[in-house]
Amino acid sequence: MIKLIVADDHPLYRAALSQTLAQAFDGQETLLFEAQSVAEVHHLLESEEDIDLIILDLHMPGAQGFSGLINLRGCYPEIPVVMVSGNDSVDVQSKAASFGAAGFISKSCETPQLLEAMQALLAGEHWFGELPEDRESDEKEELAQKVASLTPHQFRVFVMIAQGLLNKQIAYHLGISEPTVKSHVTAIFKKLGVRKRTEVIIVANSLSESVEDLNQQILES
């Protein structure tokens, strides 16, 4: 049986992609799970065993830029993750590869190419376009390793700190106590090697795909 997670916050695209994949693997037992946030992906991974592949949209609720990919790779290194995005620039694909993605699929690709990519990825291969030799700096890779070390609960708090939320607001959104939030914040600071919330925001922003993306996130936070 093939078990896939399709993670995208746009219902129509998520449903269309799931339907295409179901038809592609017709005749082979396939189980497709859908998620509309990074938190839902974590919930599925905690409850389901033997997931073969995660198809993850770059822009997902509960993550900033590539932080969702990085944390999933850190928590579940044995499960390959393929990134999906409408921005298929070489820079974005290069960052996805550097941060541990098994492949990259453009949202504008045709069905035959999508199916070819799925077959390759499920066979353990990588699927990218032309990538430059020099990908990410050592400093960026070190930051990625630190974010990857966060537990799923710590990662949710990390994202909310990066969005400018206070401990009281985080506790309300996650349905936990403020002391629990403070405990997570302390652990996050220690793992990231920072002392202030503003430094957490800097770390999160450094993992975004572009300067324009950073500016948009600052406006929305």
N, C-alpha and C. Protein backbone atom coordinates (compact mmCIF):
# COMPACT_ATOMS: atom_id res chain seq x y z
N MET A 1 0.83 -1.20 0.00
CA MET A 1 0.00 0.00 0.00
C MET A 1 0.87 1.26 0.00
N ILE A 2 0.49 2.24 -0.81
CA ILE A 2 1.15 3.54 -0.84
C ILE A 2 0.36 4.51 0.05
N LYS A 3 1.04 5.16 0.98
CA LYS A 3 0.38 6.10 1.89
C LYS A 3 1.02 7.48 1.71
N LEU A 4 0.19 8.44 1.28
CA LEU A 4 0.67 9.79 0.99
C LEU A 4 -0.09 10.82 1.81
N ILE A 5 0.61 11.91 2.17
CA ILE A 5 -0.04 13.07 2.80
C ILE A 5 0.05 14.23 1.82
N VAL A 6 -1.11 14.79 1.46
CA VAL A 6 -1.17 15.96 0.60
C VAL A 6 -1.48 17.17 1.49
N ALA A 7 -0.51 18.05 1.66
CA ALA A 7 -0.66 19.19 2.56
C ALA A 7 -0.68 20.50 1.78
N ASP A 8 -1.85 21.11 1.74
CA ASP A 8 -2.02 22.39 1.05
C ASP A 8 -3.23 23.08 1.66
N ASP A 9 -3.14 24.39 1.89
CA ASP A 9 -4.24 25.08 2.55
C ASP A 9 -5.32 25.55 1.58
N HIS A 10 -5.14 25.29 0.28
CA HIS A 10 -6.17 25.64 -0.70
C HIS A 10 -7.00 24.38 -1.01
N PRO A 11 -8.25 24.32 -0.57
CA PRO A 11 -9.07 23.11 -0.72
C PRO A 11 -9.18 22.61 -2.16
N LEU A 12 -9.36 23.52 -3.12
CA LEU A 12 -9.55 23.09 -4.50
C LEU A 12 -8.30 22.44 -5.06
N TYR A 13 -7.14 23.06 -4.82
CA TYR A 13 -5.90 22.46 -5.32
C TYR A 13 -5.61 21.14 -4.61
N ARG A 14 -5.84 21.12 -3.31
CA ARG A 14 -5.60 19.90 -2.53
C ARG A 14 -6.46 18.74 -3.03
N ALA A 15 -7.74 19.03 -3.29
CA ALA A 15 -8.66 18.01 -3.76
C ALA A 15 -8.28 17.55 -5.17
N ALA A 16 -7.90 18.52 -6.02
CA ALA A 16 -7.53 18.17 -7.40
C ALA A 16 -6.27 17.32 -7.42
N LEU A 17 -5.29 17.67 -6.58
CA LEU A 17 -4.06 16.91 -6.54
C LEU A 17 -4.32 15.50 -6.00
N SER A 18 -5.14 15.40 -4.97
CA SER A 18 -5.46 14.09 -4.40
C SER A 18 -6.17 13.20 -5.43
N GLN A 19 -7.10 13.81 -6.19
CA GLN A 19 -7.84 13.05 -7.21
C GLN A 19 -6.90 12.58 -8.32
N THR A 20 -5.99 13.45 -8.74
CA THR A 20 -5.03 13.09 -9.78
C THR A 20 -4.14 11.94 -9.34
N LEU A 21 -3.69 12.00 -8.08
CA LEU A 21 -2.81 10.94 -7.57
C LEU A 21 -3.58 9.63 -7.42
N ALA A 22 -4.83 9.72 -6.97
CA ALA A 22 -5.64 8.51 -6.83
C ALA A 22 -5.83 7.82 -8.17
N GLN A 23 -6.07 8.61 -9.22
CA GLN A 23 -6.24 8.05 -10.56
C GLN A 23 -4.92 7.50 -11.09
N ALA A 24 -3.83 8.15 -10.73
CA ALA A 24 -2.52 7.73 -11.21
C ALA A 24 -2.13 6.37 -10.67
N PHE A 25 -2.52 6.11 -9.42
CA PHE A 25 -2.17 4.84 -8.80
C PHE A 25 -3.34 3.86 -8.82
N ASP A 26 -4.25 4.06 -9.76
CA ASP A 26 -5.40 3.17 -9.89
C ASP A 26 -4.90 1.74 -10.15
N GLY A 27 -5.42 0.81 -9.38
CA GLY A 27 -4.96 -0.57 -9.51
C GLY A 27 -3.95 -0.94 -8.46
N GLN A 28 -3.39 0.08 -7.79
CA GLN A 28 -2.46 -0.15 -6.69
C GLN A 28 -3.09 0.45 -5.43
N GLU A 29 -3.10 -0.31 -4.36
CA GLU A 29 -3.76 0.14 -3.15
C GLU A 29 -3.08 1.41 -2.63
N THR A 30 -3.86 2.48 -2.54
CA THR A 30 -3.32 3.78 -2.15
C THR A 30 -4.20 4.41 -1.08
N LEU A 31 -3.56 5.02 -0.09
CA LEU A 31 -4.27 5.72 0.97
C LEU A 31 -3.77 7.15 1.02
N LEU A 32 -4.67 8.11 0.74
CA LEU A 32 -4.31 9.51 0.69
C LEU A 32 -4.89 10.25 1.90
N PHE A 33 -4.04 11.00 2.59
CA PHE A 33 -4.47 11.83 3.69
C PHE A 33 -4.30 13.29 3.29
N GLU A 34 -5.23 14.15 3.69
CA GLU A 34 -5.13 15.57 3.38
C GLU A 34 -4.93 16.39 4.64
N ALA A 35 -4.12 17.44 4.53
CA ALA A 35 -3.88 18.34 5.65
C ALA A 35 -3.86 19.77 5.13
N GLN A 36 -4.36 20.69 5.94
CA GLN A 36 -4.39 22.09 5.52
C GLN A 36 -3.49 22.98 6.37
N SER A 37 -2.67 22.38 7.22
CA SER A 37 -1.70 23.12 8.02
C SER A 37 -0.56 22.18 8.41
N VAL A 38 0.55 22.76 8.83
CA VAL A 38 1.68 21.95 9.27
C VAL A 38 1.30 21.17 10.52
N ALA A 39 0.51 21.78 11.40
CA ALA A 39 0.07 21.09 12.62
C ALA A 39 -0.72 19.83 12.27
N GLU A 40 -1.57 19.90 11.24
CA GLU A 40 -2.34 18.72 10.83
C GLU A 40 -1.43 17.64 10.27
N VAL A 41 -0.36 18.04 9.60
CA VAL A 41 0.60 17.05 9.10
C VAL A 41 1.23 16.31 10.28
N HIS A 42 1.61 17.05 11.30
CA HIS A 42 2.19 16.43 12.49
C HIS A 42 1.20 15.48 13.15
N HIS A 43 -0.06 15.89 13.24
CA HIS A 43 -1.09 15.03 13.85
C HIS A 43 -1.22 13.71 13.07
N LEU A 44 -1.21 13.82 11.75
CA LEU A 44 -1.32 12.62 10.92
C LEU A 44 -0.11 11.70 11.12
N LEU A 45 1.06 12.29 11.19
CA LEU A 45 2.27 11.49 11.36
C LEU A 45 2.33 10.83 12.73
N GLU A 46 1.70 11.47 13.71
CA GLU A 46 1.66 10.88 15.05
C GLU A 46 0.66 9.74 15.14
N SER A 47 -0.36 9.74 14.25
CA SER A 47 -1.41 8.72 14.33
C SER A 47 -1.32 7.64 13.26
N GLU A 48 -0.62 7.93 12.16
CA GLU A 48 -0.53 6.98 11.06
C GLU A 48 0.91 6.47 10.91
N GLU A 49 1.05 5.20 10.62
CA GLU A 49 2.37 4.61 10.44
C GLU A 49 2.67 4.39 8.95
N ASP A 50 3.94 4.29 8.65
CA ASP A 50 4.41 3.92 7.31
C ASP A 50 3.95 4.88 6.21
N ILE A 51 4.00 6.20 6.49
CA ILE A 51 3.73 7.18 5.44
C ILE A 51 4.91 7.16 4.47
N ASP A 52 4.61 7.05 3.18
CA ASP A 52 5.66 6.94 2.17
C ASP A 52 6.19 8.28 1.68
N LEU A 53 5.32 9.30 1.66
CA LEU A 53 5.73 10.58 1.09
C LEU A 53 4.80 11.69 1.58
N ILE A 54 5.39 12.86 1.86
CA ILE A 54 4.62 14.06 2.22
C ILE A 54 4.75 15.05 1.07
N ILE A 55 3.63 15.52 0.55
CA ILE A 55 3.61 16.54 -0.49
C ILE A 55 3.21 17.84 0.20
N LEU A 56 4.16 18.77 0.34
CA LEU A 56 3.99 19.94 1.20
C LEU A 56 4.05 21.24 0.41
N ASP A 57 2.99 22.04 0.53
CA ASP A 57 2.97 23.36 -0.09
C ASP A 57 3.94 24.27 0.67
N LEU A 58 4.64 25.13 -0.05
CA LEU A 58 5.61 26.01 0.59
C LEU A 58 4.95 27.00 1.54
N HIS A 59 3.80 27.52 1.15
CA HIS A 59 3.11 28.51 1.99
C HIS A 59 1.96 27.82 2.73
N MET A 60 2.23 27.45 3.98
CA MET A 60 1.25 26.72 4.77
C MET A 60 1.01 27.40 6.11
N PRO A 61 -0.24 27.41 6.61
CA PRO A 61 -0.49 27.91 7.96
C PRO A 61 0.32 27.08 8.96
N GLY A 62 0.88 27.77 9.95
CA GLY A 62 1.67 27.07 10.96
C GLY A 62 3.14 26.96 10.60
N ALA A 63 3.57 27.74 9.59
CA ALA A 63 4.98 27.73 9.20
C ALA A 63 5.32 29.05 8.54
N GLN A 64 6.60 29.36 8.49
CA GLN A 64 7.08 30.53 7.77
C GLN A 64 8.15 30.07 6.79
N GLY A 65 7.87 30.27 5.51
CA GLY A 65 8.83 29.86 4.51
C GLY A 65 9.14 28.38 4.59
N PHE A 66 10.43 28.07 4.65
CA PHE A 66 10.87 26.68 4.65
C PHE A 66 10.90 26.05 6.04
N SER A 67 10.45 26.78 7.07
CA SER A 67 10.55 26.24 8.43
C SER A 67 9.71 24.98 8.61
N GLY A 68 8.57 24.88 7.91
CA GLY A 68 7.74 23.67 8.01
C GLY A 68 8.47 22.46 7.47
N LEU A 69 9.11 22.61 6.32
CA LEU A 69 9.91 21.54 5.74
C LEU A 69 11.04 21.14 6.68
N ILE A 70 11.74 22.12 7.19
CA ILE A 70 12.90 21.87 8.06
C ILE A 70 12.49 21.09 9.30
N ASN A 71 11.39 21.51 9.92
CA ASN A 71 10.97 20.83 11.15
C ASN A 71 10.47 19.42 10.88
N LEU A 72 9.74 19.22 9.80
CA LEU A 72 9.28 17.87 9.46
C LEU A 72 10.46 16.94 9.19
N ARG A 73 11.48 17.44 8.51
CA ARG A 73 12.65 16.63 8.23
C ARG A 73 13.40 16.30 9.52
N GLY A 74 13.38 17.25 10.47
CA GLY A 74 14.05 16.99 11.74
C GLY A 74 13.31 15.97 12.59
N CYS A 75 11.98 16.05 12.60
CA CYS A 75 11.17 15.15 13.43
C CYS A 75 10.97 13.78 12.77
N TYR A 76 10.90 13.75 11.44
CA TYR A 76 10.65 12.50 10.72
C TYR A 76 11.64 12.37 9.55
N PRO A 77 12.92 12.20 9.85
CA PRO A 77 13.94 12.18 8.79
C PRO A 77 13.81 11.02 7.80
N GLU A 78 13.07 9.98 8.22
CA GLU A 78 12.94 8.82 7.34
C GLU A 78 11.85 8.99 6.28
N ILE A 79 11.01 10.04 6.41
CA ILE A 79 9.92 10.25 5.46
C ILE A 79 10.29 11.35 4.47
N PRO A 80 10.36 11.07 3.18
CA PRO A 80 10.71 12.11 2.21
C PRO A 80 9.59 13.14 2.07
N VAL A 81 10.00 14.38 1.82
CA VAL A 81 9.06 15.49 1.65
C VAL A 81 9.33 16.14 0.31
N VAL A 82 8.31 16.29 -0.51
CA VAL A 82 8.44 17.01 -1.77
C VAL A 82 7.70 18.33 -1.64
N MET A 83 8.37 19.41 -2.01
CA MET A 83 7.77 20.74 -1.92
C MET A 83 6.94 21.04 -3.17
N VAL A 84 5.85 21.77 -2.97
CA VAL A 84 4.99 22.21 -4.08
C VAL A 84 4.81 23.72 -3.95
N SER A 85 4.97 24.43 -5.06
CA SER A 85 4.80 25.89 -5.01
C SER A 85 4.56 26.44 -6.40
N GLY A 86 3.91 27.59 -6.45
CA GLY A 86 3.73 28.28 -7.71
C GLY A 86 5.00 29.02 -8.10
N ASN A 87 5.88 29.25 -7.13
CA ASN A 87 7.17 29.90 -7.39
C ASN A 87 8.20 28.80 -7.62
N ASP A 88 8.54 28.54 -8.87
CA ASP A 88 9.46 27.46 -9.19
C ASP A 88 10.83 27.97 -9.63
N SER A 89 11.23 29.12 -9.09
CA SER A 89 12.53 29.68 -9.44
C SER A 89 13.65 28.75 -8.98
N VAL A 90 14.81 28.89 -9.61
CA VAL A 90 15.97 28.08 -9.25
C VAL A 90 16.36 28.31 -7.80
N ASP A 91 16.25 29.55 -7.34
CA ASP A 91 16.61 29.89 -5.96
C ASP A 91 15.73 29.14 -4.96
N VAL A 92 14.42 29.12 -5.21
CA VAL A 92 13.50 28.44 -4.31
C VAL A 92 13.76 26.93 -4.33
N GLN A 93 13.96 26.37 -5.50
CA GLN A 93 14.24 24.93 -5.59
C GLN A 93 15.56 24.58 -4.90
N SER A 94 16.55 25.46 -5.05
CA SER A 94 17.84 25.23 -4.42
C SER A 94 17.72 25.23 -2.91
N LYS A 95 16.94 26.18 -2.37
CA LYS A 95 16.74 26.23 -0.92
C LYS A 95 15.98 24.99 -0.43
N ALA A 96 14.99 24.58 -1.18
CA ALA A 96 14.23 23.38 -0.80
C ALA A 96 15.17 22.17 -0.72
N ALA A 97 16.05 22.04 -1.69
CA ALA A 97 17.01 20.93 -1.69
C ALA A 97 17.97 21.04 -0.51
N SER A 98 18.45 22.25 -0.25
CA SER A 98 19.39 22.45 0.85
C SER A 98 18.77 22.14 2.20
N PHE A 99 17.47 22.40 2.32
CA PHE A 99 16.80 22.18 3.60
C PHE A 99 16.19 20.79 3.73
N GLY A 100 16.54 19.89 2.81
CA GLY A 100 16.19 18.49 2.98
C GLY A 100 15.03 17.95 2.18
N ALA A 101 14.48 18.73 1.25
CA ALA A 101 13.38 18.22 0.44
C ALA A 101 13.90 17.14 -0.52
N ALA A 102 13.06 16.16 -0.79
CA ALA A 102 13.43 15.10 -1.73
C ALA A 102 13.16 15.53 -3.17
N GLY A 103 12.33 16.57 -3.32
CA GLY A 103 12.02 17.03 -4.66
C GLY A 103 11.22 18.31 -4.63
N PHE A 104 10.96 18.85 -5.81
CA PHE A 104 10.19 20.09 -5.94
C PHE A 104 9.29 19.95 -7.16
N ILE A 105 8.00 20.26 -6.97
CA ILE A 105 7.03 20.19 -8.06
C ILE A 105 6.35 21.55 -8.21
N SER A 106 6.38 22.09 -9.40
CA SER A 106 5.71 23.36 -9.67
C SER A 106 4.21 23.13 -9.79
N LYS A 107 3.43 24.07 -9.27
CA LYS A 107 1.97 23.95 -9.37
C LYS A 107 1.48 24.11 -10.81
N SER A 108 2.36 24.55 -11.68
CA SER A 108 1.97 24.73 -13.08
C SER A 108 2.33 23.53 -13.95
N CYS A 109 2.92 22.48 -13.34
CA CYS A 109 3.35 21.34 -14.16
C CYS A 109 2.15 20.54 -14.67
N GLU A 110 2.34 19.89 -15.79
CA GLU A 110 1.29 19.08 -16.40
C GLU A 110 1.18 17.74 -15.67
N THR A 111 0.03 17.10 -15.81
CA THR A 111 -0.22 15.82 -15.11
C THR A 111 0.82 14.75 -15.42
N PRO A 112 1.22 14.55 -16.68
CA PRO A 112 2.23 13.52 -16.95
C PRO A 112 3.54 13.74 -16.19
N GLN A 113 3.96 15.01 -16.11
CA GLN A 113 5.19 15.32 -15.40
C GLN A 113 5.02 15.09 -13.90
N LEU A 114 3.84 15.42 -13.37
CA LEU A 114 3.56 15.19 -11.96
C LEU A 114 3.64 13.70 -11.63
N LEU A 115 3.04 12.89 -12.46
CA LEU A 115 3.04 11.44 -12.23
C LEU A 115 4.44 10.86 -12.36
N GLU A 116 5.21 11.39 -13.30
CA GLU A 116 6.60 10.93 -13.45
C GLU A 116 7.40 11.27 -12.20
N ALA A 117 7.16 12.47 -11.65
CA ALA A 117 7.85 12.89 -10.43
C ALA A 117 7.47 12.00 -9.25
N MET A 118 6.18 11.66 -9.13
CA MET A 118 5.72 10.82 -8.03
C MET A 118 6.37 9.43 -8.09
N GLN A 119 6.43 8.87 -9.28
CA GLN A 119 7.04 7.55 -9.43
C GLN A 119 8.51 7.57 -9.04
N ALA A 120 9.20 8.63 -9.44
CA ALA A 120 10.63 8.75 -9.11
C ALA A 120 10.83 8.92 -7.61
N LEU A 121 10.03 9.76 -6.99
CA LEU A 121 10.16 10.03 -5.57
C LEU A 121 9.85 8.80 -4.73
N LEU A 122 8.81 8.07 -5.12
CA LEU A 122 8.44 6.86 -4.39
C LEU A 122 9.47 5.74 -4.58
N ALA A 123 10.26 5.87 -5.64
CA ALA A 123 11.33 4.89 -5.89
C ALA A 123 12.62 5.28 -5.16
N GLY A 124 12.54 6.38 -4.39
CA GLY A 124 13.70 6.80 -3.61
C GLY A 124 14.61 7.77 -4.32
N GLU A 125 14.19 8.28 -5.49
CA GLU A 125 15.00 9.24 -6.23
C GLU A 125 14.65 10.67 -5.83
N HIS A 126 15.47 11.63 -6.29
CA HIS A 126 15.19 13.05 -6.07
C HIS A 126 14.62 13.64 -7.36
N TRP A 127 13.88 14.74 -7.22
CA TRP A 127 13.25 15.35 -8.39
C TRP A 127 13.36 16.87 -8.29
N PHE A 128 14.33 17.42 -9.01
CA PHE A 128 14.53 18.87 -9.05
C PHE A 128 14.89 19.26 -10.47
N GLY A 129 14.82 20.57 -10.71
CA GLY A 129 15.30 21.09 -11.97
C GLY A 129 16.81 21.29 -11.88
N GLU A 130 17.35 22.14 -12.73
CA GLU A 130 18.78 22.43 -12.70
C GLU A 130 19.09 23.25 -11.46
N LEU A 131 19.98 22.75 -10.62
CA LEU A 131 20.34 23.44 -9.39
C LEU A 131 21.80 23.87 -9.43
N PRO A 132 22.09 25.07 -8.90
CA PRO A 132 23.50 25.51 -8.85
C PRO A 132 24.29 24.68 -7.85
N GLU A 133 25.58 24.62 -8.03
CA GLU A 133 26.44 23.84 -7.13
C GLU A 133 26.42 24.42 -5.73
N ASP A 134 26.54 25.76 -5.63
CA ASP A 134 26.60 26.43 -4.32
C ASP A 134 25.18 26.71 -3.86
N ARG A 135 24.70 26.01 -2.85
CA ARG A 135 23.32 26.17 -2.43
C ARG A 135 23.17 27.15 -1.28
N GLU A 136 23.32 26.66 -0.04
CA GLU A 136 23.13 27.53 1.11
C GLU A 136 24.43 27.67 1.90
N SER A 137 24.56 28.77 2.59
CA SER A 137 25.73 29.00 3.41
C SER A 137 25.72 28.09 4.63
N ASP A 138 26.90 27.92 5.22
CA ASP A 138 27.00 27.10 6.43
C ASP A 138 26.15 27.67 7.54
N GLU A 139 26.08 29.01 7.61
CA GLU A 139 25.29 29.66 8.66
C GLU A 139 23.81 29.32 8.51
N LYS A 140 23.30 29.35 7.27
CA LYS A 140 21.89 29.03 7.03
C LYS A 140 21.61 27.57 7.35
N GLU A 141 22.54 26.68 7.01
CA GLU A 141 22.36 25.27 7.30
C GLU A 141 22.37 25.01 8.80
N GLU A 142 23.18 25.77 9.53
CA GLU A 142 23.23 25.62 10.98
C GLU A 142 21.90 26.05 11.61
N LEU A 143 21.33 27.14 11.10
CA LEU A 143 20.02 27.59 11.59
C LEU A 143 18.96 26.55 11.30
N ALA A 144 19.03 25.95 10.12
CA ALA A 144 18.05 24.93 9.75
C ALA A 144 18.14 23.74 10.69
N GLN A 145 19.35 23.34 11.06
CA GLN A 145 19.52 22.23 11.98
C GLN A 145 18.91 22.54 13.35
N LYS A 146 19.04 23.79 13.78
CA LYS A 146 18.48 24.18 15.06
C LYS A 146 16.95 24.13 15.03
N VAL A 147 16.35 24.63 13.95
CA VAL A 147 14.89 24.58 13.83
C VAL A 147 14.42 23.14 13.72
N ALA A 148 15.20 22.31 13.04
CA ALA A 148 14.84 20.90 12.89
C ALA A 148 14.83 20.17 14.22
N SER A 149 15.58 20.67 15.20
CA SER A 149 15.67 20.02 16.51
C SER A 149 14.45 20.29 17.39
N LEU A 150 13.59 21.24 17.00
CA LEU A 150 12.41 21.57 17.79
C LEU A 150 11.38 20.44 17.70
N THR A 151 10.74 20.14 18.82
CA THR A 151 9.65 19.16 18.81
C THR A 151 8.44 19.79 18.11
N PRO A 152 7.44 18.98 17.70
CA PRO A 152 6.26 19.56 17.06
C PRO A 152 5.59 20.65 17.89
N HIS A 153 5.48 20.45 19.22
CA HIS A 153 4.86 21.47 20.08
C HIS A 153 5.72 22.73 20.14
N GLN A 154 7.03 22.56 20.26
CA GLN A 154 7.93 23.71 20.29
C GLN A 154 7.88 24.46 18.97
N PHE A 155 7.74 23.72 17.87
CA PHE A 155 7.71 24.36 16.56
C PHE A 155 6.48 25.25 16.42
N ARG A 156 5.33 24.79 16.91
CA ARG A 156 4.11 25.61 16.84
C ARG A 156 4.29 26.90 17.61
N VAL A 157 4.92 26.82 18.78
CA VAL A 157 5.18 28.01 19.58
C VAL A 157 6.19 28.91 18.85
N PHE A 158 7.21 28.31 18.27
CA PHE A 158 8.23 29.04 17.51
C PHE A 158 7.58 29.89 16.41
N VAL A 159 6.67 29.29 15.64
CA VAL A 159 6.02 30.00 14.55
C VAL A 159 5.19 31.17 15.08
N MET A 160 4.50 30.95 16.19
CA MET A 160 3.66 32.01 16.76
C MET A 160 4.51 33.16 17.33
N ILE A 161 5.66 32.83 17.91
CA ILE A 161 6.58 33.88 18.36
C ILE A 161 7.02 34.69 17.15
N ALA A 162 7.35 33.99 16.06
CA ALA A 162 7.80 34.65 14.84
C ALA A 162 6.72 35.54 14.25
N GLN A 163 5.46 35.22 14.53
CA GLN A 163 4.35 36.04 14.04
C GLN A 163 4.04 37.20 14.98
N GLY A 164 4.79 37.32 16.08
CA GLY A 164 4.63 38.44 17.00
C GLY A 164 3.66 38.22 18.14
N LEU A 165 3.19 36.99 18.34
CA LEU A 165 2.22 36.73 19.40
C LEU A 165 2.91 36.67 20.76
N LEU A 166 2.21 37.14 21.79
CA LEU A 166 2.70 37.09 23.16
C LEU A 166 2.34 35.74 23.77
N ASN A 167 2.96 35.42 24.91
CA ASN A 167 2.71 34.13 25.56
C ASN A 167 1.23 33.90 25.85
N LYS A 168 0.54 34.94 26.30
CA LYS A 168 -0.88 34.82 26.61
C LYS A 168 -1.68 34.46 25.36
N GLN A 169 -1.35 35.09 24.24
CA GLN A 169 -2.04 34.81 22.98
C GLN A 169 -1.74 33.40 22.48
N ILE A 170 -0.48 32.98 22.61
CA ILE A 170 -0.09 31.64 22.20
C ILE A 170 -0.84 30.60 23.02
N ALA A 171 -0.92 30.83 24.34
CA ALA A 171 -1.63 29.90 25.22
C ALA A 171 -3.09 29.76 24.80
N TYR A 172 -3.70 30.89 24.43
CA TYR A 172 -5.11 30.88 24.00
C TYR A 172 -5.28 30.10 22.71
N HIS A 173 -4.43 30.35 21.73
CA HIS A 173 -4.55 29.69 20.42
C HIS A 173 -4.30 28.18 20.51
N LEU A 174 -3.37 27.78 21.37
CA LEU A 174 -3.02 26.37 21.47
C LEU A 174 -3.79 25.63 22.54
N GLY A 175 -4.54 26.37 23.37
CA GLY A 175 -5.33 25.74 24.42
C GLY A 175 -4.47 25.15 25.53
N ILE A 176 -3.37 25.83 25.84
CA ILE A 176 -2.49 25.38 26.92
C ILE A 176 -2.27 26.52 27.90
N SER A 177 -1.65 26.24 29.04
CA SER A 177 -1.44 27.26 30.06
C SER A 177 -0.23 28.14 29.71
N GLU A 178 -0.21 29.34 30.29
CA GLU A 178 0.93 30.23 30.07
C GLU A 178 2.24 29.64 30.59
N PRO A 179 2.25 28.99 31.76
CA PRO A 179 3.49 28.36 32.22
C PRO A 179 4.03 27.33 31.23
N THR A 180 3.11 26.60 30.56
CA THR A 180 3.55 25.64 29.56
C THR A 180 4.18 26.35 28.37
N VAL A 181 3.58 27.46 27.97
CA VAL A 181 4.14 28.26 26.87
C VAL A 181 5.53 28.76 27.25
N LYS A 182 5.65 29.27 28.49
CA LYS A 182 6.95 29.78 28.94
C LYS A 182 8.00 28.69 28.93
N SER A 183 7.60 27.47 29.29
CA SER A 183 8.52 26.34 29.26
C SER A 183 8.99 26.05 27.84
N HIS A 184 8.04 26.09 26.90
CA HIS A 184 8.39 25.88 25.49
C HIS A 184 9.31 26.99 24.98
N VAL A 185 9.00 28.23 25.36
CA VAL A 185 9.80 29.37 24.92
C VAL A 185 11.24 29.24 25.42
N THR A 186 11.40 28.84 26.68
CA THR A 186 12.73 28.65 27.24
C THR A 186 13.51 27.59 26.47
N ALA A 187 12.82 26.48 26.15
CA ALA A 187 13.47 25.40 25.40
C ALA A 187 13.83 25.86 23.99
N ILE A 188 12.95 26.66 23.37
CA ILE A 188 13.20 27.17 22.02
C ILE A 188 14.42 28.09 22.03
N PHE A 189 14.48 29.01 22.99
CA PHE A 189 15.62 29.92 23.10
C PHE A 189 16.92 29.13 23.22
N LYS A 190 16.90 28.08 24.04
CA LYS A 190 18.10 27.28 24.27
C LYS A 190 18.53 26.55 22.99
N LYS A 191 17.57 25.94 22.30
CA LYS A 191 17.90 25.19 21.08
C LYS A 191 18.37 26.11 19.95
N LEU A 192 17.78 27.30 19.87
CA LEU A 192 18.16 28.22 18.80
C LEU A 192 19.39 29.04 19.15
N GLY A 193 19.76 29.05 20.44
CA GLY A 193 20.91 29.83 20.88
C GLY A 193 20.63 31.32 20.87
N VAL A 194 19.40 31.70 21.26
CA VAL A 194 19.02 33.11 21.29
C VAL A 194 18.56 33.49 22.70
N ARG A 195 18.41 34.79 22.93
CA ARG A 195 18.00 35.26 24.25
C ARG A 195 16.73 36.10 24.21
N LYS A 196 16.34 36.56 23.02
CA LYS A 196 15.18 37.45 22.91
C LYS A 196 14.22 36.97 21.82
N ARG A 197 12.97 37.39 21.95
CA ARG A 197 11.96 37.01 20.96
C ARG A 197 12.27 37.59 19.59
N THR A 198 12.86 38.79 19.58
CA THR A 198 13.19 39.40 18.28
C THR A 198 14.21 38.55 17.52
N GLU A 199 15.08 37.86 18.25
CA GLU A 199 16.06 36.99 17.59
C GLU A 199 15.37 35.76 16.98
N VAL A 200 14.29 35.30 17.62
CA VAL A 200 13.52 34.19 17.07
C VAL A 200 12.90 34.62 15.74
N ILE A 201 12.39 35.84 15.69
CA ILE A 201 11.79 36.37 14.46
C ILE A 201 12.83 36.44 13.35
N ILE A 202 14.05 36.85 13.70
CA ILE A 202 15.13 36.93 12.72
C ILE A 202 15.46 35.55 12.15
N VAL A 203 15.50 34.55 13.04
CA VAL A 203 15.77 33.17 12.61
C VAL A 203 14.69 32.71 11.63
N ALA A 204 13.42 32.93 12.00
CA ALA A 204 12.30 32.50 11.16
C ALA A 204 12.34 33.21 9.80
N ASN A 205 12.59 34.51 9.82
CA ASN A 205 12.62 35.27 8.57
C ASN A 205 13.76 34.84 7.66
N SER A 206 14.87 34.41 8.25
CA SER A 206 16.02 33.99 7.43
C SER A 206 15.74 32.72 6.65
N LEU A 207 14.68 32.00 7.04
CA LEU A 207 14.34 30.75 6.35
C LEU A 207 13.23 30.95 5.34
N SER A 208 12.85 32.20 5.07
CA SER A 208 11.82 32.48 4.08
C SER A 208 12.42 32.43 2.69
N GLU A 209 11.55 32.44 1.69
CA GLU A 209 12.03 32.21 0.33
C GLU A 209 12.62 33.43 -0.34
N SER A 210 12.20 34.65 0.10
CA SER A 210 12.68 35.84 -0.58
C SER A 210 12.48 37.06 0.29
N VAL A 211 13.09 38.17 -0.11
CA VAL A 211 12.92 39.43 0.61
C VAL A 211 11.46 39.86 0.57
N GLU A 212 10.80 39.69 -0.59
CA GLU A 212 9.40 40.07 -0.70
C GLU A 212 8.55 39.26 0.26
N ASP A 213 8.87 37.97 0.39
CA ASP A 213 8.15 37.10 1.31
C ASP A 213 8.32 37.58 2.74
N LEU A 214 9.54 38.01 3.10
CA LEU A 214 9.79 38.50 4.45
C LEU A 214 8.94 39.74 4.73
N ASN A 215 8.93 40.65 3.78
CA ASN A 215 8.16 41.88 3.99
C ASN A 215 6.68 41.58 4.19
N GLN A 216 6.14 40.63 3.41
CA GLN A 216 4.74 40.27 3.54
C GLN A 216 4.45 39.65 4.89
N GLN A 217 5.37 38.83 5.39
CA GLN A 217 5.17 38.20 6.69
C GLN A 217 5.21 39.23 7.81
N ILE A 218 6.10 40.24 7.68
CA ILE A 218 6.18 41.28 8.69
C ILE A 218 4.88 42.08 8.73
N LEU A 219 4.30 42.36 7.56
CA LEU A 219 3.05 43.10 7.49
C LEU A 219 1.89 42.32 8.10
N GLU A 220 1.92 40.97 7.94
CA GLU A 220 0.83 40.14 8.43
C GLU A 220 0.96 39.80 9.92
N SER A 221 2.17 39.97 10.47
CA SER A 221 2.39 39.56 11.88
C SER A 221 1.87 40.61 12.85
